[in-house]
Structure formats: C-alpha cells, structure tokens
N, C-alpha and C. Protein backbone atom coordinates (compact mmCIF):
# COMPACT_ATOMS: atom_id res chain seq x y z
N MET A 1 -3.24 5.73 33.89
CA MET A 1 -2.42 6.07 32.74
C MET A 1 -3.34 6.33 31.55
N ARG A 2 -3.05 7.37 30.80
CA ARG A 2 -3.88 7.66 29.63
C ARG A 2 -3.61 6.64 28.53
N GLU A 3 -4.49 6.59 27.56
CA GLU A 3 -4.37 5.61 26.49
C GLU A 3 -3.07 5.80 25.72
N CYS A 4 -2.41 4.72 25.40
CA CYS A 4 -1.11 4.76 24.73
C CYS A 4 -1.32 4.78 23.21
N PRO A 5 -0.76 5.77 22.50
CA PRO A 5 -0.92 5.83 21.05
C PRO A 5 -0.15 4.74 20.32
N PHE A 6 0.74 4.04 21.02
CA PHE A 6 1.56 3.02 20.39
C PHE A 6 1.01 1.61 20.58
N CYS A 7 -0.14 1.47 21.22
CA CYS A 7 -0.70 0.15 21.44
C CYS A 7 -1.58 -0.32 20.28
N ASP A 8 -1.52 0.38 19.15
CA ASP A 8 -2.24 -0.02 17.95
C ASP A 8 -1.41 -1.06 17.19
N PRO A 9 -2.01 -1.70 16.19
CA PRO A 9 -1.25 -2.69 15.42
C PRO A 9 0.02 -2.09 14.83
N SER A 10 1.03 -2.92 14.72
CA SER A 10 2.33 -2.46 14.26
C SER A 10 2.77 -3.20 13.01
N LEU A 11 3.88 -2.75 12.42
CA LEU A 11 4.45 -3.40 11.24
C LEU A 11 5.14 -4.70 11.63
N TYR A 12 6.00 -4.63 12.63
CA TYR A 12 6.69 -5.81 13.15
C TYR A 12 6.49 -5.85 14.65
N GLU A 13 6.57 -7.05 15.18
CA GLU A 13 6.42 -7.21 16.61
C GLU A 13 7.30 -8.36 17.06
N SER A 14 7.94 -8.19 18.20
CA SER A 14 8.69 -9.27 18.82
C SER A 14 8.21 -9.37 20.26
N GLU A 15 8.86 -10.19 21.04
CA GLU A 15 8.41 -10.38 22.43
C GLU A 15 8.35 -9.06 23.20
N SER A 16 9.32 -8.16 22.97
CA SER A 16 9.34 -6.94 23.77
C SER A 16 9.49 -5.66 22.96
N ALA A 17 9.29 -5.71 21.62
CA ALA A 17 9.45 -4.50 20.80
C ALA A 17 8.37 -4.42 19.72
N LEU A 18 8.07 -3.17 19.32
CA LEU A 18 7.12 -2.91 18.25
C LEU A 18 7.78 -1.98 17.24
N VAL A 19 7.40 -2.11 15.96
CA VAL A 19 7.92 -1.25 14.90
C VAL A 19 6.73 -0.63 14.18
N PHE A 20 6.77 0.71 14.02
CA PHE A 20 5.72 1.46 13.34
C PHE A 20 6.32 2.29 12.22
N THR A 21 5.57 2.45 11.12
CA THR A 21 6.03 3.34 10.06
C THR A 21 5.10 4.53 9.86
N LYS A 22 3.87 4.46 10.32
CA LYS A 22 2.93 5.54 10.02
C LYS A 22 2.32 6.16 11.26
N THR A 23 2.88 5.93 12.43
CA THR A 23 2.33 6.47 13.66
C THR A 23 2.67 7.94 13.84
N ASP A 24 3.84 8.34 13.37
CA ASP A 24 4.32 9.70 13.58
C ASP A 24 3.61 10.66 12.63
N SER A 25 2.99 11.70 13.16
CA SER A 25 2.29 12.69 12.34
C SER A 25 3.25 13.61 11.60
N PHE A 26 4.48 13.69 12.05
CA PHE A 26 5.46 14.59 11.46
C PHE A 26 6.75 13.82 11.13
N PRO A 27 6.69 12.92 10.14
CA PRO A 27 7.89 12.13 9.82
C PRO A 27 9.04 13.02 9.37
N VAL A 28 10.24 12.66 9.77
CA VAL A 28 11.43 13.42 9.41
C VAL A 28 11.76 13.24 7.93
N SER A 29 11.57 12.03 7.42
CA SER A 29 11.86 11.74 6.02
C SER A 29 11.08 10.52 5.57
N GLU A 30 11.10 10.25 4.26
CA GLU A 30 10.43 9.07 3.72
C GLU A 30 11.02 7.83 4.38
N GLY A 31 10.17 6.95 4.84
CA GLY A 31 10.63 5.75 5.52
C GLY A 31 10.80 5.92 7.01
N HIS A 32 10.47 7.12 7.51
CA HIS A 32 10.58 7.39 8.95
C HIS A 32 9.87 6.27 9.72
N THR A 33 10.55 5.67 10.68
CA THR A 33 10.06 4.50 11.38
C THR A 33 10.32 4.64 12.88
N LEU A 34 9.39 4.17 13.68
CA LEU A 34 9.56 4.17 15.13
C LEU A 34 9.75 2.74 15.60
N VAL A 35 10.75 2.51 16.43
CA VAL A 35 10.99 1.22 17.07
C VAL A 35 10.92 1.49 18.56
N ILE A 36 9.95 0.88 19.23
CA ILE A 36 9.73 1.18 20.65
C ILE A 36 9.56 -0.11 21.46
N PRO A 37 9.83 -0.03 22.76
CA PRO A 37 9.58 -1.20 23.61
C PRO A 37 8.08 -1.36 23.84
N LYS A 38 7.63 -2.58 24.03
CA LYS A 38 6.23 -2.83 24.36
C LYS A 38 5.90 -2.37 25.77
N ARG A 39 6.85 -2.58 26.66
CA ARG A 39 6.62 -2.22 28.06
C ARG A 39 6.57 -0.70 28.18
N HIS A 40 5.57 -0.21 28.88
CA HIS A 40 5.41 1.23 29.08
C HIS A 40 6.44 1.73 30.09
N ILE A 41 7.39 2.51 29.60
CA ILE A 41 8.46 3.05 30.44
C ILE A 41 8.63 4.53 30.15
N GLU A 42 9.33 5.22 31.01
CA GLU A 42 9.54 6.66 30.85
C GLU A 42 10.66 6.99 29.86
N SER A 43 11.67 6.14 29.77
CA SER A 43 12.86 6.49 29.02
C SER A 43 13.53 5.23 28.46
N TYR A 44 14.27 5.40 27.38
CA TYR A 44 15.07 4.31 26.83
C TYR A 44 15.98 3.72 27.90
N PHE A 45 16.44 4.55 28.79
CA PHE A 45 17.39 4.12 29.82
C PHE A 45 16.74 3.24 30.88
N ASP A 46 15.43 3.04 30.79
CA ASP A 46 14.72 2.15 31.71
C ASP A 46 14.51 0.75 31.12
N VAL A 47 14.95 0.51 29.88
CA VAL A 47 14.77 -0.82 29.30
C VAL A 47 15.75 -1.81 29.93
N SER A 48 15.34 -3.06 29.95
CA SER A 48 16.23 -4.11 30.45
C SER A 48 17.27 -4.43 29.38
N ASN A 49 18.29 -5.17 29.73
CA ASN A 49 19.31 -5.56 28.76
C ASN A 49 18.69 -6.38 27.62
N ASP A 50 17.78 -7.30 27.96
CA ASP A 50 17.12 -8.12 26.94
C ASP A 50 16.27 -7.26 26.01
N GLU A 51 15.53 -6.31 26.58
CA GLU A 51 14.71 -5.42 25.76
C GLU A 51 15.60 -4.58 24.84
N ARG A 52 16.70 -4.07 25.37
CA ARG A 52 17.62 -3.25 24.57
C ARG A 52 18.15 -4.06 23.39
N ASP A 53 18.57 -5.29 23.65
CA ASP A 53 19.08 -6.14 22.57
C ASP A 53 18.02 -6.38 21.50
N GLU A 54 16.80 -6.61 21.94
CA GLU A 54 15.72 -6.88 21.00
C GLU A 54 15.37 -5.63 20.19
N LEU A 55 15.38 -4.47 20.84
CA LEU A 55 15.13 -3.22 20.12
C LEU A 55 16.14 -3.02 19.00
N TRP A 56 17.42 -3.25 19.30
CA TRP A 56 18.46 -3.06 18.29
C TRP A 56 18.38 -4.12 17.20
N GLU A 57 17.92 -5.32 17.52
CA GLU A 57 17.69 -6.33 16.48
C GLU A 57 16.61 -5.84 15.52
N MET A 58 15.57 -5.22 16.06
CA MET A 58 14.49 -4.66 15.23
C MET A 58 15.02 -3.51 14.38
N VAL A 59 15.87 -2.67 14.94
CA VAL A 59 16.45 -1.57 14.16
C VAL A 59 17.21 -2.14 12.96
N GLU A 60 17.98 -3.18 13.17
CA GLU A 60 18.72 -3.82 12.08
C GLU A 60 17.76 -4.37 11.02
N ARG A 61 16.69 -4.99 11.46
CA ARG A 61 15.70 -5.56 10.53
C ARG A 61 15.06 -4.46 9.68
N VAL A 62 14.67 -3.38 10.34
CA VAL A 62 14.03 -2.27 9.63
C VAL A 62 15.03 -1.58 8.70
N LYS A 63 16.27 -1.42 9.14
CA LYS A 63 17.31 -0.78 8.32
C LYS A 63 17.48 -1.54 7.01
N THR A 64 17.51 -2.86 7.07
CA THR A 64 17.67 -3.68 5.87
C THR A 64 16.50 -3.45 4.92
N GLU A 65 15.29 -3.45 5.45
CA GLU A 65 14.11 -3.25 4.61
C GLU A 65 14.07 -1.85 4.01
N LEU A 66 14.38 -0.84 4.82
CA LEU A 66 14.37 0.54 4.32
C LEU A 66 15.44 0.75 3.26
N ALA A 67 16.59 0.13 3.43
CA ALA A 67 17.66 0.24 2.43
C ALA A 67 17.20 -0.33 1.10
N GLU A 68 16.51 -1.46 1.13
CA GLU A 68 16.00 -2.07 -0.10
C GLU A 68 14.89 -1.24 -0.73
N ARG A 69 14.00 -0.71 0.09
CA ARG A 69 12.82 0.00 -0.41
C ARG A 69 13.14 1.42 -0.87
N HIS A 70 14.00 2.15 -0.14
CA HIS A 70 14.19 3.57 -0.41
C HIS A 70 15.60 3.95 -0.87
N SER A 71 16.57 3.07 -0.76
CA SER A 71 17.96 3.35 -1.11
C SER A 71 18.43 4.71 -0.57
N PRO A 72 18.32 4.93 0.73
CA PRO A 72 18.70 6.23 1.29
C PRO A 72 20.21 6.43 1.27
N ASP A 73 20.63 7.69 1.36
CA ASP A 73 22.06 8.00 1.44
C ASP A 73 22.62 7.63 2.81
N GLY A 74 21.76 7.54 3.80
CA GLY A 74 22.20 7.22 5.15
C GLY A 74 21.02 7.06 6.08
N PHE A 75 21.31 6.84 7.34
CA PHE A 75 20.28 6.64 8.35
C PHE A 75 20.58 7.53 9.56
N ASN A 76 19.53 8.03 10.18
CA ASN A 76 19.64 8.74 11.45
C ASN A 76 18.86 7.95 12.48
N ILE A 77 19.46 7.77 13.64
CA ILE A 77 18.78 7.07 14.74
C ILE A 77 18.74 8.01 15.92
N GLY A 78 17.54 8.27 16.40
CA GLY A 78 17.38 9.16 17.55
C GLY A 78 16.80 8.41 18.73
N ILE A 79 17.20 8.84 19.89
CA ILE A 79 16.67 8.23 21.12
C ILE A 79 16.09 9.35 21.97
C-alpha cells in the first residue's frame, strides 16, 4: 500500500477517527474539514457500526467549533 496522506498529525483524534482542517489542497470553503476513519478502508460503507458512530460524534464536535469560529450560514457534509 502506498503511503497514506492522512497518517500525519491531526486536529482531533479518537480511538477510530481523525479530524483534519488543512490536509485538503482545494478546500471548498473557510473551515473546510475532513473527518476520516483511522482504519484504512476503501469506502465509508466499509466502516463498522462503532466506527460510524465515532465518526459522527467527531462531526458534531467539529460542527460546534466551526459554528463558534466562523458563524457559517450552514454546513455541507459529503461522503
């Protein structure tokens, strides 16, 4: 397997998820953030139920921080 660009230090980390804010070279908007599983998988649909729950907990955590920091009109979540 080639080197993973997401295995660098992250903003937040939990048992099975990582959160990045500056990894994406082409951010969609200010505050653009990536929330990804730690386990190397092909697709979101390959995550376990526990991993999925933890990923969404991280999304909620990041949403709260981004709302405070940037006061956006809304949020887009892509998978």
